[in-house]
Structure formats: C-alpha cells, structure tokens
Amino acid sequence: MEIPSERKKEVIEHEAAEEESIYLLKDRANIACDGGSYAKARQLFELLKERTPEPLRTPLLHKYGVCLARLGERLDALKVFSQAIKEGRDSLYDILSGLEKASILSEQGK
C-alpha cells in the first residue's frame, strides 16, 4: 500500500474542507430563504453557483428564484424558475416553480 505524500494529503484535506463548506453554504442559504431573509439568501445562492462544480439542483434553483421574486427582481426570477422547470430533477419543485412563474406573469398581465 502506497502512503500518499504530504502534498497529496494537503490537497485531499483541502478538497474535503471545500466540499464541506459547500454543504454548509447550502444549509445557510436554505435557512435564510425559509426564514424570509431573501437578500442574505440571494447572496448565498449566488456564492453557491460560483463555488459548486455542478449547476444548482432544482430545489435550490426554486428557492433562489423565490428570493429574486421577493426582492422585486422578477425578470431574473422568471429565468431561474424556467431553468428549474427545464432541469426537472424534482417534480415538487418543478410544480412550485411553475406556480411562481405563473404568478409573476399574472401580475404582469400576461
């Protein structure tokens, strides 16, 4: 069995710490959104988008869209809801995103 060099060990530990911080960031963003702290949640979701290697999953996209909508950024929210519907990884959040999108369009008279 090969013993990893000290440098490889540092890289592995750094990657583990980075991965853990992404999970903590997701939790913080969800808690902020669920608690109505939409501006804070928006910042956290945007940070998540920058730091995660894969795109945000449908539940996170939906909550990110909710934050944008509640902050009055309806055009950006519509784009995020459309992306959540298109990605379609979780039917509950697809439906919720569709309802949010319909609500915004209804407010705009469309």
PDB file of N, CA and C in Angstrom:
ATOM      1  N   MET A   1       0.836  -1.176   0.000  1.00  0.00           N
ATOM      2  CA  MET A   1       0.000   0.000   0.000  1.00  0.00           C
ATOM      3  C   MET A   1       0.884   1.243   0.000  1.00  0.00           C
ATOM      4  N   GLU A   2       0.568   2.163  -0.876  1.00  0.00           N
ATOM      5  CA  GLU A   2       1.373   3.366  -1.018  1.00  0.00           C
ATOM      6  C   GLU A   2       0.898   4.441  -0.042  1.00  0.00           C
ATOM      7  N   ILE A   3       1.820   5.069   0.633  1.00  0.00           N
ATOM      8  CA  ILE A   3       1.490   6.162   1.556  1.00  0.00           C
ATOM      9  C   ILE A   3       1.532   7.456   0.756  1.00  0.00           C
ATOM     10  N   PRO A   4       0.419   8.218   0.779  1.00  0.00           N
ATOM     11  CA  PRO A   4       0.409   9.449  -0.014  1.00  0.00           C
ATOM     12  C   PRO A   4       1.418  10.453   0.527  1.00  0.00           C
ATOM     13  N   SER A   5       1.988  11.201  -0.370  1.00  0.00           N
ATOM     14  CA  SER A   5       2.947  12.224   0.045  1.00  0.00           C
ATOM     15  C   SER A   5       2.212  13.292   0.850  1.00  0.00           C
ATOM     16  N   GLU A   6       2.955  14.101   1.542  1.00  0.00           N
ATOM     17  CA  GLU A   6       2.370  15.174   2.364  1.00  0.00           C
ATOM     18  C   GLU A   6       1.584  16.149   1.486  1.00  0.00           C
ATOM     19  N   ARG A   7       2.088  16.418   0.291  1.00  0.00           N
ATOM     20  CA  ARG A   7       1.397  17.347  -0.629  1.00  0.00           C
ATOM     21  C   ARG A   7       0.043  16.779  -1.053  1.00  0.00           C
ATOM     22  N   LYS A   8       0.000  15.497  -1.404  1.00  0.00           N
ATOM     23  CA  LYS A   8      -1.269  14.869  -1.790  1.00  0.00           C
ATOM     24  C   LYS A   8      -2.249  14.904  -0.630  1.00  0.00           C
ATOM     25  N   LYS A   9      -1.739  14.692   0.572  1.00  0.00           N
ATOM     26  CA  LYS A   9      -2.590  14.712   1.754  1.00  0.00           C
ATOM     27  C   LYS A   9      -3.197  16.095   1.950  1.00  0.00           C
ATOM     28  N   GLU A  10      -2.406  17.151   1.745  1.00  0.00           N
ATOM     29  CA  GLU A  10      -2.910  18.515   1.884  1.00  0.00           C
ATOM     30  C   GLU A  10      -4.006  18.799   0.859  1.00  0.00           C
ATOM     31  N   VAL A  11      -3.821  18.337  -0.362  1.00  0.00           N
ATOM     32  CA  VAL A  11      -4.805  18.543  -1.427  1.00  0.00           C
ATOM     33  C   VAL A  11      -6.108  17.835  -1.073  1.00  0.00           C
ATOM     34  N   ILE A  12      -5.999  16.608  -0.606  1.00  0.00           N
ATOM     35  CA  ILE A  12      -7.186  15.841  -0.228  1.00  0.00           C
ATOM     36  C   ILE A  12      -7.921  16.512   0.916  1.00  0.00           C
ATOM     37  N   GLU A  13      -7.191  16.981   1.928  1.00  0.00           N
ATOM     38  CA  GLU A  13      -7.820  17.661   3.065  1.00  0.00           C
ATOM     39  C   GLU A  13      -8.471  18.960   2.631  1.00  0.00           C
ATOM     40  N   HIS A  14      -7.817  19.701   1.722  1.00  0.00           N
ATOM     41  CA  HIS A  14      -8.386  20.951   1.226  1.00  0.00           C
ATOM     42  C   HIS A  14      -9.681  20.683   0.459  1.00  0.00           C
ATOM     43  N   GLU A  15      -9.680  19.668  -0.397  1.00  0.00           N
ATOM     44  CA  GLU A  15     -10.887  19.328  -1.158  1.00  0.00           C
ATOM     45  C   GLU A  15     -12.016  18.914  -0.228  1.00  0.00           C
ATOM     46  N   ALA A  16     -11.712  18.182   0.828  1.00  0.00           N
ATOM     47  CA  ALA A  16     -12.737  17.770   1.792  1.00  0.00           C
ATOM     48  C   ALA A  16     -13.301  18.985   2.511  1.00  0.00           C
ATOM     49  N   ALA A  17     -12.450  19.916   2.902  1.00  0.00           N
ATOM     50  CA  ALA A  17     -12.913  21.130   3.578  1.00  0.00           C
ATOM     51  C   ALA A  17     -13.762  21.973   2.638  1.00  0.00           C
ATOM     52  N   GLU A  18     -13.369  22.072   1.374  1.00  0.00           N
ATOM     53  CA  GLU A  18     -14.131  22.832   0.383  1.00  0.00           C
ATOM     54  C   GLU A  18     -15.507  22.216   0.172  1.00  0.00           C
ATOM     55  N   GLU A  19     -15.564  20.886   0.073  1.00  0.00           N
ATOM     56  CA  GLU A  19     -16.833  20.187  -0.117  1.00  0.00           C
ATOM     57  C   GLU A  19     -17.747  20.407   1.082  1.00  0.00           C
ATOM     58  N   GLU A  20     -17.191  20.329   2.275  1.00  0.00           N
ATOM     59  CA  GLU A  20     -17.983  20.544   3.483  1.00  0.00           C
ATOM     60  C   GLU A  20     -18.539  21.959   3.504  1.00  0.00           C
ATOM     61  N   SER A  21     -17.743  22.921   3.097  1.00  0.00           N
ATOM     62  CA  SER A  21     -18.210  24.298   3.124  1.00  0.00           C
ATOM     63  C   SER A  21     -19.359  24.504   2.145  1.00  0.00           C
ATOM     64  N   ILE A  22     -19.389  23.763   1.039  1.00  0.00           N
ATOM     65  CA  ILE A  22     -20.494  23.861   0.094  1.00  0.00           C
ATOM     66  C   ILE A  22     -21.784  23.372   0.740  1.00  0.00           C
ATOM     67  N   TYR A  23     -21.705  22.268   1.471  1.00  0.00           N
ATOM     68  CA  TYR A  23     -22.902  21.767   2.156  1.00  0.00           C
ATOM     69  C   TYR A  23     -23.379  22.747   3.217  1.00  0.00           C
ATOM     70  N   LEU A  24     -22.466  23.339   3.947  1.00  0.00           N
ATOM     71  CA  LEU A  24     -22.844  24.333   4.948  1.00  0.00           C
ATOM     72  C   LEU A  24     -23.460  25.556   4.282  1.00  0.00           C
ATOM     73  N   LEU A  25     -22.908  25.944   3.153  1.00  0.00           N
ATOM     74  CA  LEU A  25     -23.433  27.081   2.404  1.00  0.00           C
ATOM     75  C   LEU A  25     -24.859  26.804   1.928  1.00  0.00           C
ATOM     76  N   LYS A  26     -25.108  25.593   1.453  1.00  0.00           N
ATOM     77  CA  LYS A  26     -26.469  25.213   1.034  1.00  0.00           C
ATOM     78  C   LYS A  26     -27.433  25.303   2.212  1.00  0.00           C
ATOM     79  N   ASP A  27     -27.014  24.800   3.360  1.00  0.00           N
ATOM     80  CA  ASP A  27     -27.868  24.860   4.549  1.00  0.00           C
ATOM     81  C   ASP A  27     -28.158  26.300   4.952  1.00  0.00           C
ATOM     82  N   ARG A  28     -27.136  27.123   4.948  1.00  0.00           N
ATOM     83  CA  ARG A  28     -27.321  28.529   5.329  1.00  0.00           C
ATOM     84  C   ARG A  28     -28.251  29.249   4.360  1.00  0.00           C
ATOM     85  N   ALA A  29     -28.102  28.970   3.060  1.00  0.00           N
ATOM     86  CA  ALA A  29     -28.961  29.597   2.049  1.00  0.00           C
ATOM     87  C   ALA A  29     -30.407  29.156   2.225  1.00  0.00           C
ATOM     88  N   ASN A  30     -30.629  27.873   2.449  1.00  0.00           N
ATOM     89  CA  ASN A  30     -31.988  27.366   2.656  1.00  0.00           C
ATOM     90  C   ASN A  30     -32.625  27.967   3.900  1.00  0.00           C
ATOM     91  N   ILE A  31     -31.870  28.038   4.981  1.00  0.00           N
ATOM     92  CA  ILE A  31     -32.393  28.595   6.239  1.00  0.00           C
ATOM     93  C   ILE A  31     -32.740  30.068   6.068  1.00  0.00           C
ATOM     94  N   ALA A  32     -31.862  30.813   5.400  1.00  0.00           N
ATOM     95  CA  ALA A  32     -32.124  32.240   5.178  1.00  0.00           C
ATOM     96  C   ALA A  32     -33.374  32.442   4.326  1.00  0.00           C
ATOM     97  N   CYS A  33     -33.513  31.659   3.270  1.00  0.00           N
ATOM     98  CA  CYS A  33     -34.686  31.774   2.398  1.00  0.00           C
ATOM     99  C   CYS A  33     -35.961  31.399   3.146  1.00  0.00           C
ATOM    100  N   ASP A  34     -35.926  30.280   3.846  1.00  0.00           N
ATOM    101  CA  ASP A  34     -37.103  29.825   4.584  1.00  0.00           C
ATOM    102  C   ASP A  34     -37.487  30.798   5.693  1.00  0.00           C
ATOM    103  N   GLY A  35     -36.500  31.522   6.220  1.00  0.00           N
ATOM    104  CA  GLY A  35     -36.756  32.489   7.281  1.00  0.00           C
ATOM    105  C   GLY A  35     -37.128  33.866   6.776  1.00  0.00           C
ATOM    106  N   GLY A  36     -37.171  34.042   5.467  1.00  0.00           N
ATOM    107  CA  GLY A  36     -37.570  35.328   4.900  1.00  0.00           C
ATOM    108  C   GLY A  36     -36.434  36.330   4.741  1.00  0.00           C
ATOM    109  N   SER A  37     -35.206  35.907   4.961  1.00  0.00           N
ATOM    110  CA  SER A  37     -34.041  36.784   4.763  1.00  0.00           C
ATOM    111  C   SER A  37     -33.581  36.651   3.319  1.00  0.00           C
ATOM    112  N   TYR A  38     -34.392  37.207   2.413  1.00  0.00           N
ATOM    113  CA  TYR A  38     -34.185  36.969   0.988  1.00  0.00           C
ATOM    114  C   TYR A  38     -32.897  37.576   0.440  1.00  0.00           C
ATOM    115  N   ALA A  39     -32.513  38.750   0.912  1.00  0.00           N
ATOM    116  CA  ALA A  39     -31.278  39.372   0.423  1.00  0.00           C
ATOM    117  C   ALA A  39     -30.062  38.534   0.826  1.00  0.00           C
ATOM    118  N   LYS A  40     -30.050  38.072   2.054  1.00  0.00           N
ATOM    119  CA  LYS A  40     -28.946  37.235   2.518  1.00  0.00           C
ATOM    120  C   LYS A  40     -28.931  35.908   1.757  1.00  0.00           C
ATOM    121  N   ALA A  41     -30.112  35.305   1.601  1.00  0.00           N
ATOM    122  CA  ALA A  41     -30.209  34.033   0.892  1.00  0.00           C
ATOM    123  C   ALA A  41     -29.752  34.187  -0.551  1.00  0.00           C
ATOM    124  N   ARG A  42     -30.122  35.282  -1.176  1.00  0.00           N
ATOM    125  CA  ARG A  42     -29.717  35.528  -2.570  1.00  0.00           C
ATOM    126  C   ARG A  42     -28.197  35.539  -2.680  1.00  0.00           C
ATOM    127  N   GLN A  43     -27.532  36.249  -1.783  1.00  0.00           N
ATOM    128  CA  GLN A  43     -26.071  36.296  -1.801  1.00  0.00           C
ATOM    129  C   GLN A  43     -25.473  34.897  -1.651  1.00  0.00           C
ATOM    130  N   LEU A  44     -26.056  34.109  -0.750  1.00  0.00           N
ATOM    131  CA  LEU A  44     -25.550  32.760  -0.514  1.00  0.00           C
ATOM    132  C   LEU A  44     -25.779  31.861  -1.733  1.00  0.00           C
ATOM    133  N   PHE A  45     -26.961  31.970  -2.365  1.00  0.00           N
ATOM    134  CA  PHE A  45     -27.232  31.175  -3.561  1.00  0.00           C
ATOM    135  C   PHE A  45     -26.277  31.555  -4.695  1.00  0.00           C
ATOM    136  N   GLU A  46     -25.992  32.847  -4.834  1.00  0.00           N
ATOM    137  CA  GLU A  46     -25.068  33.278  -5.889  1.00  0.00           C
ATOM    138  C   GLU A  46     -23.643  32.787  -5.608  1.00  0.00           C
ATOM    139  N   LEU A  47     -23.259  32.790  -4.347  1.00  0.00           N
ATOM    140  CA  LEU A  47     -21.963  32.246  -3.968  1.00  0.00           C
ATOM    141  C   LEU A  47     -21.905  30.743  -4.254  1.00  0.00           C
ATOM    142  N   LEU A  48     -22.997  30.072  -3.972  1.00  0.00           N
ATOM    143  CA  LEU A  48     -23.081  28.635  -4.256  1.00  0.00           C
ATOM    144  C   LEU A  48     -22.913  28.363  -5.741  1.00  0.00           C
ATOM    145  N   LYS A  49     -23.558  29.176  -6.575  1.00  0.00           N
ATOM    146  CA  LYS A  49     -23.451  28.993  -8.022  1.00  0.00           C
ATOM    147  C   LYS A  49     -22.002  29.111  -8.479  1.00  0.00           C
ATOM    148  N   GLU A  50     -21.249  30.006  -7.845  1.00  0.00           N
ATOM    149  CA  GLU A  50     -19.853  30.196  -8.210  1.00  0.00           C
ATOM    150  C   GLU A  50     -18.973  29.046  -7.726  1.00  0.00           C
ATOM    151  N   ARG A  51     -19.305  28.487  -6.571  1.00  0.00           N
ATOM    152  CA  ARG A  51     -18.405  27.534  -5.929  1.00  0.00           C
ATOM    153  C   ARG A  51     -18.699  26.072  -6.219  1.00  0.00           C
ATOM    154  N   THR A  52     -19.902  25.757  -6.679  1.00  0.00           N
ATOM    155  CA  THR A  52     -20.212  24.353  -6.914  1.00  0.00           C
ATOM    156  C   THR A  52     -19.854  23.963  -8.339  1.00  0.00           C
ATOM    157  N   PRO A  53     -19.294  22.783  -8.504  1.00  0.00           N
ATOM    158  CA  PRO A  53     -18.907  22.351  -9.852  1.00  0.00           C
ATOM    159  C   PRO A  53     -20.108  22.040 -10.741  1.00  0.00           C
ATOM    160  N   GLU A  54     -21.203  21.589 -10.169  1.00  0.00           N
ATOM    161  CA  GLU A  54     -22.385  21.282 -10.968  1.00  0.00           C
ATOM    162  C   GLU A  54     -23.411  22.400 -10.792  1.00  0.00           C
ATOM    163  N   PRO A  55     -24.357  22.501 -11.712  1.00  0.00           N
ATOM    164  CA  PRO A  55     -25.390  23.536 -11.573  1.00  0.00           C
ATOM    165  C   PRO A  55     -26.241  23.300 -10.327  1.00  0.00           C
ATOM    166  N   LEU A  56     -26.872  24.369  -9.863  1.00  0.00           N
ATOM    167  CA  LEU A  56     -27.758  24.227  -8.709  1.00  0.00           C
ATOM    168  C   LEU A  56     -28.875  23.258  -9.054  1.00  0.00           C
ATOM    169  N   ARG A  57     -29.222  22.399  -8.136  1.00  0.00           N
ATOM    170  CA  ARG A  57     -30.308  21.446  -8.329  1.00  0.00           C
ATOM    171  C   ARG A  57     -31.649  22.171  -8.253  1.00  0.00           C
ATOM    172  N   THR A  58     -32.671  21.519  -8.729  1.00  0.00           N
ATOM    173  CA  THR A  58     -33.998  22.124  -8.835  1.00  0.00           C
ATOM    174  C   THR A  58     -34.497  22.754  -7.539  1.00  0.00           C
ATOM    175  N   PRO A  59     -34.405  22.096  -6.365  1.00  0.00           N
ATOM    176  CA  PRO A  59     -34.880  22.762  -5.145  1.00  0.00           C
ATOM    177  C   PRO A  59     -34.126  24.055  -4.842  1.00  0.00           C
ATOM    178  N   LEU A  60     -32.820  24.068  -5.068  1.00  0.00           N
ATOM    179  CA  LEU A  60     -32.047  25.282  -4.827  1.00  0.00           C
ATOM    180  C   LEU A  60     -32.373  26.352  -5.858  1.00  0.00           C
ATOM    181  N   LEU A  61     -32.564  25.955  -7.096  1.00  0.00           N
ATOM    182  CA  LEU A  61     -32.960  26.915  -8.133  1.00  0.00           C
ATOM    183  C   LEU A  61     -34.292  27.552  -7.771  1.00  0.00           C
ATOM    184  N   HIS A  62     -35.229  26.727  -7.326  1.00  0.00           N
ATOM    185  CA  HIS A  62     -36.546  27.251  -6.957  1.00  0.00           C
ATOM    186  C   HIS A  62     -36.426  28.289  -5.842  1.00  0.00           C
ATOM    187  N   LYS A  63     -35.688  27.950  -4.806  1.00  0.00           N
ATOM    188  CA  LYS A  63     -35.550  28.881  -3.678  1.00  0.00           C
ATOM    189  C   LYS A  63     -34.798  30.147  -4.084  1.00  0.00           C
ATOM    190  N   TYR A  64     -33.829  30.003  -4.962  1.00  0.00           N
ATOM    191  CA  TYR A  64     -33.109  31.164  -5.480  1.00  0.00           C
ATOM    192  C   TYR A  64     -34.081  32.063  -6.247  1.00  0.00           C
ATOM    193  N   GLY A  65     -34.930  31.469  -7.053  1.00  0.00           N
ATOM    194  CA  GLY A  65     -35.944  32.235  -7.777  1.00  0.00           C
ATOM    195  C   GLY A  65     -36.916  32.931  -6.844  1.00  0.00           C
ATOM    196  N   VAL A  66     -37.308  32.260  -5.772  1.00  0.00           N
ATOM    197  CA  VAL A  66     -38.199  32.864  -4.773  1.00  0.00           C
ATOM    198  C   VAL A  66     -37.540  34.105  -4.183  1.00  0.00           C
ATOM    199  N   CYS A  67     -36.270  33.987  -3.845  1.00  0.00           N
ATOM    200  CA  CYS A  67     -35.549  35.139  -3.284  1.00  0.00           C
ATOM    201  C   CYS A  67     -35.562  36.312  -4.261  1.00  0.00           C
ATOM    202  N   LEU A  68     -35.262  36.038  -5.515  1.00  0.00           N
ATOM    203  CA  LEU A  68     -35.254  37.095  -6.524  1.00  0.00           C
ATOM    204  C   LEU A  68     -36.632  37.732  -6.672  1.00  0.00           C
ATOM    205  N   ALA A  69     -37.662  36.896  -6.706  1.00  0.00           N
ATOM    206  CA  ALA A  69     -39.029  37.412  -6.855  1.00  0.00           C
ATOM    207  C   ALA A  69     -39.423  38.281  -5.671  1.00  0.00           C
ATOM    208  N   ARG A  70     -39.101  37.828  -4.462  1.00  0.00           N
ATOM    209  CA  ARG A  70     -39.469  38.587  -3.256  1.00  0.00           C
ATOM    210  C   ARG A  70     -38.694  39.897  -3.144  1.00  0.00           C
ATOM    211  N   LEU A  71     -37.526  39.939  -3.804  1.00  0.00           N
ATOM    212  CA  LEU A  71     -36.724  41.167  -3.810  1.00  0.00           C
ATOM    213  C   LEU A  71     -37.089  42.087  -4.974  1.00  0.00           C
ATOM    214  N   GLY A  72     -38.111  41.701  -5.740  1.00  0.00           N
ATOM    215  CA  GLY A  72     -38.593  42.534  -6.836  1.00  0.00           C
ATOM    216  C   GLY A  72     -37.847  42.356  -8.147  1.00  0.00           C
ATOM    217  N   GLU A  73     -36.973  41.393  -8.241  1.00  0.00           N
ATOM    218  CA  GLU A  73     -36.204  41.146  -9.462  1.00  0.00           C
ATOM    219  C   GLU A  73     -36.904  40.061 -10.278  1.00  0.00           C
ATOM    220  N   ARG A  74     -38.069  40.427 -10.781  1.00  0.00           N
ATOM    221  CA  ARG A  74     -38.952  39.454 -11.406  1.00  0.00           C
ATOM    222  C   ARG A  74     -38.425  38.857 -12.715  1.00  0.00           C
ATOM    223  N   LEU A  75     -37.751  39.651 -13.533  1.00  0.00           N
ATOM    224  CA  LEU A  75     -37.220  39.101 -14.791  1.00  0.00           C
ATOM    225  C   LEU A  75     -36.160  38.038 -14.520  1.00  0.00           C
ATOM    226  N   ASP A  76     -35.276  38.312 -13.576  1.00  0.00           N
ATOM    227  CA  ASP A  76     -34.266  37.313 -13.211  1.00  0.00           C
ATOM    228  C   ASP A  76     -34.930  36.094 -12.581  1.00  0.00           C
ATOM    229  N   ALA A  77     -35.962  36.327 -11.768  1.00  0.00           N
ATOM    230  CA  ALA A  77     -36.685  35.220 -11.135  1.00  0.00           C
ATOM    231  C   ALA A  77     -37.329  34.327 -12.197  1.00  0.00           C
ATOM    232  N   LEU A  78     -37.923  34.940 -13.228  1.00  0.00           N
ATOM    233  CA  LEU A  78     -38.545  34.159 -14.302  1.00  0.00           C
ATOM    234  C   LEU A  78     -37.524  33.259 -14.989  1.00  0.00           C
ATOM    235  N   LYS A  79     -36.325  33.780 -15.215  1.00  0.00           N
ATOM    236  CA  LYS A  79     -35.271  32.976 -15.840  1.00  0.00           C
ATOM    237  C   LYS A  79     -34.889  31.791 -14.960  1.00  0.00           C
ATOM    238  N   VAL A  80     -34.769  32.041 -13.660  1.00  0.00           N
ATOM    239  CA  VAL A  80     -34.380  30.975 -12.741  1.00  0.00           C
ATOM    240  C   VAL A  80     -35.492  29.933 -12.632  1.00  0.00           C
ATOM    241  N   PHE A  81     -36.751  30.380 -12.554  1.00  0.00           N
ATOM    242  CA  PHE A  81     -37.864  29.425 -12.498  1.00  0.00           C
ATOM    243  C   PHE A  81     -37.931  28.598 -13.781  1.00  0.00           C
ATOM    244  N   SER A  82     -37.704  29.228 -14.922  1.00  0.00           N
ATOM    245  CA  SER A  82     -37.701  28.492 -16.195  1.00  0.00           C
ATOM    246  C   SER A  82     -36.604  27.440 -16.207  1.00  0.00           C
ATOM    247  N   GLN A  83     -35.449  27.794 -15.679  1.00  0.00           N
ATOM    248  CA  GLN A  83     -34.341  26.841 -15.606  1.00  0.00           C
ATOM    249  C   GLN A  83     -34.701  25.677 -14.683  1.00  0.00           C
ATOM    250  N   ALA A  84     -35.346  25.979 -13.554  1.00  0.00           N
ATOM    251  CA  ALA A  84     -35.748  24.924 -12.613  1.00  0.00           C
ATOM    252  C   ALA A  84     -36.751  23.975 -13.270  1.00  0.00           C
ATOM    253  N   ILE A  85     -37.682  24.527 -14.027  1.00  0.00           N
ATOM    254  CA  ILE A  85     -38.677  23.701 -14.713  1.00  0.00           C
ATOM    255  C   ILE A  85     -37.989  22.845 -15.775  1.00  0.00           C
ATOM    256  N   LYS A  86     -37.065  23.439 -16.520  1.00  0.00           N
ATOM    257  CA  LYS A  86     -36.356  22.732 -17.586  1.00  0.00           C
ATOM    258  C   LYS A  86     -35.495  21.594 -17.031  1.00  0.00           C
ATOM    259  N   GLU A  87     -34.803  21.870 -15.935  1.00  0.00           N
ATOM    260  CA  GLU A  87     -33.926  20.845 -15.348  1.00  0.00           C
ATOM    261  C   GLU A  87     -34.742  19.663 -14.842  1.00  0.00           C
ATOM    262  N   GLY A  88     -35.897  19.942 -14.259  1.00  0.00           N
ATOM    263  CA  GLY A  88     -36.853  18.916 -13.877  1.00  0.00           C
ATOM    264  C   GLY A  88     -36.317  17.742 -13.100  1.00  0.00           C
ATOM    265  N   ARG A  89     -35.547  17.993 -12.081  1.00  0.00           N
ATOM    266  CA  ARG A  89     -34.995  16.893 -11.300  1.00  0.00           C
ATOM    267  C   ARG A  89     -35.870  16.524 -10.103  1.00  0.00           C
ATOM    268  N   ASP A  90     -36.827  17.340  -9.785  1.00  0.00           N
ATOM    269  CA  ASP A  90     -37.677  17.071  -8.635  1.00  0.00           C
ATOM    270  C   ASP A  90     -39.057  17.624  -8.960  1.00  0.00           C
ATOM    271  N   SER A  91     -40.043  16.760  -9.113  1.00  0.00           N
ATOM    272  CA  SER A  91     -41.352  17.193  -9.603  1.00  0.00           C
ATOM    273  C   SER A  91     -42.039  18.203  -8.689  1.00  0.00           C
ATOM    274  N   LEU A  92     -41.847  18.113  -7.391  1.00  0.00           N
ATOM    275  CA  LEU A  92     -42.472  19.076  -6.474  1.00  0.00           C
ATOM    276  C   LEU A  92     -41.962  20.481  -6.772  1.00  0.00           C
ATOM    277  N   TYR A  93     -40.670  20.636  -6.903  1.00  0.00           N
ATOM    278  CA  TYR A  93     -40.114  21.966  -7.148  1.00  0.00           C
ATOM    279  C   TYR A  93     -40.350  22.432  -8.574  1.00  0.00           C
ATOM    280  N   ASP A  94     -40.527  21.500  -9.508  1.00  0.00           N
ATOM    281  CA  ASP A  94     -40.940  21.881 -10.861  1.00  0.00           C
ATOM    282  C   ASP A  94     -42.310  22.551 -10.791  1.00  0.00           C
ATOM    283  N   ILE A  95     -43.213  21.931 -10.061  1.00  0.00           N
ATOM    284  CA  ILE A  95     -44.576  22.458  -9.924  1.00  0.00           C
ATOM    285  C   ILE A  95     -44.560  23.801  -9.213  1.00  0.00           C
ATOM    286  N   LEU A  96     -43.818  23.884  -8.102  1.00  0.00           N
ATOM    287  CA  LEU A  96     -43.748  25.137  -7.353  1.00  0.00           C
ATOM    288  C   LEU A  96     -43.133  26.252  -8.193  1.00  0.00           C
ATOM    289  N   SER A  97     -42.116  25.927  -8.963  1.00  0.00           N
ATOM    290  CA  SER A  97     -41.501  26.930  -9.839  1.00  0.00           C
ATOM    291  C   SER A  97     -42.483  27.383 -10.914  1.00  0.00           C
ATOM    292  N   GLY A  98     -43.260  26.438 -11.439  1.00  0.00           N
ATOM    293  CA  GLY A  98     -44.283  26.790 -12.425  1.00  0.00           C
ATOM    294  C   GLY A  98     -45.335  27.708 -11.839  1.00  0.00           C
ATOM    295  N   LEU A  99     -45.732  27.456 -10.604  1.00  0.00           N
ATOM    296  CA  LEU A  99     -46.721  28.315  -9.934  1.00  0.00           C
ATOM    297  C   LEU A  99     -46.159  29.715  -9.694  1.00  0.00           C
ATOM    298  N   GLU A 100     -44.925  29.788  -9.245  1.00  0.00           N
ATOM    299  CA  GLU A 100     -44.292  31.096  -9.024  1.00  0.00           C
ATOM    300  C   GLU A 100     -44.182  31.866 -10.340  1.00  0.00           C
ATOM    301  N   LYS A 101     -43.782  31.165 -11.383  1.00  0.00           N
ATOM    302  CA  LYS A 101     -43.650  31.798 -12.695  1.00  0.00           C
ATOM    303  C   LYS A 101     -45.009  32.303 -13.180  1.00  0.00           C
ATOM    304  N   ALA A 102     -46.032  31.491 -13.024  1.00  0.00           N
ATOM    305  CA  ALA A 102     -47.391  31.899 -13.433  1.00  0.00           C
ATOM    306  C   ALA A 102     -47.863  33.105 -12.637  1.00  0.00           C
ATOM    307  N   SER A 103     -47.533  33.135 -11.350  1.00  0.00           N
ATOM    308  CA  SER A 103     -47.926  34.259 -10.501  1.00  0.00           C
ATOM    309  C   SER A 103     -47.295  35.557 -10.966  1.00  0.00           C
ATOM    310  N   ILE A 104     -46.005  35.501 -11.306  1.00  0.00           N
ATOM    311  CA  ILE A 104     -45.312  36.697 -11.789  1.00  0.00           C
ATOM    312  C   ILE A 104     -45.904  37.154 -13.115  1.00  0.00           C
ATOM    313  N   LEU A 105     -46.132  36.215 -14.022  1.00  0.00           N
ATOM    314  CA  LEU A 105     -46.697  36.555 -15.325  1.00  0.00           C
ATOM    315  C   LEU A 105     -48.101  37.120 -15.187  1.00  0.00           C
ATOM    316  N   SER A 106     -48.863  36.576 -14.246  1.00  0.00           N
ATOM    317  CA  SER A 106     -50.211  37.071 -13.988  1.00  0.00           C
ATOM    318  C   SER A 106     -50.190  38.502 -13.483  1.00  0.00           C
ATOM    319  N   GLU A 107     -49.247  38.792 -12.597  1.00  0.00           N
ATOM    320  CA  GLU A 107     -49.106  40.166 -12.082  1.00  0.00           C
ATOM    321  C   GLU A 107     -48.765  41.147 -13.201  1.00  0.00           C
ATOM    322  N   GLN A 108     -48.035  40.660 -14.192  1.00  0.00           N
ATOM    323  CA  GLN A 108     -47.649  41.495 -15.313  1.00  0.00           C
ATOM    324  C   GLN A 108     -48.724  41.564 -16.397  1.00  0.00           C
ATOM    325  N   GLY A 109     -49.830  40.841 -16.184  1.00  0.00           N
ATOM    326  CA  GLY A 109     -50.933  40.845 -17.137  1.00  0.00           C
ATOM    327  C   GLY A 109     -50.689  39.984 -18.358  1.00  0.00           C
ATOM    328  N   LYS A 110     -49.826  38.994 -18.227  1.00  0.00           N
ATOM    329  CA  LYS A 110     -49.518  38.120 -19.370  1.00  0.00           C
ATOM    330  C   LYS A 110     -50.153  36.773 -19.198  1.00  0.00           C
TER     331      LYS A 110
END
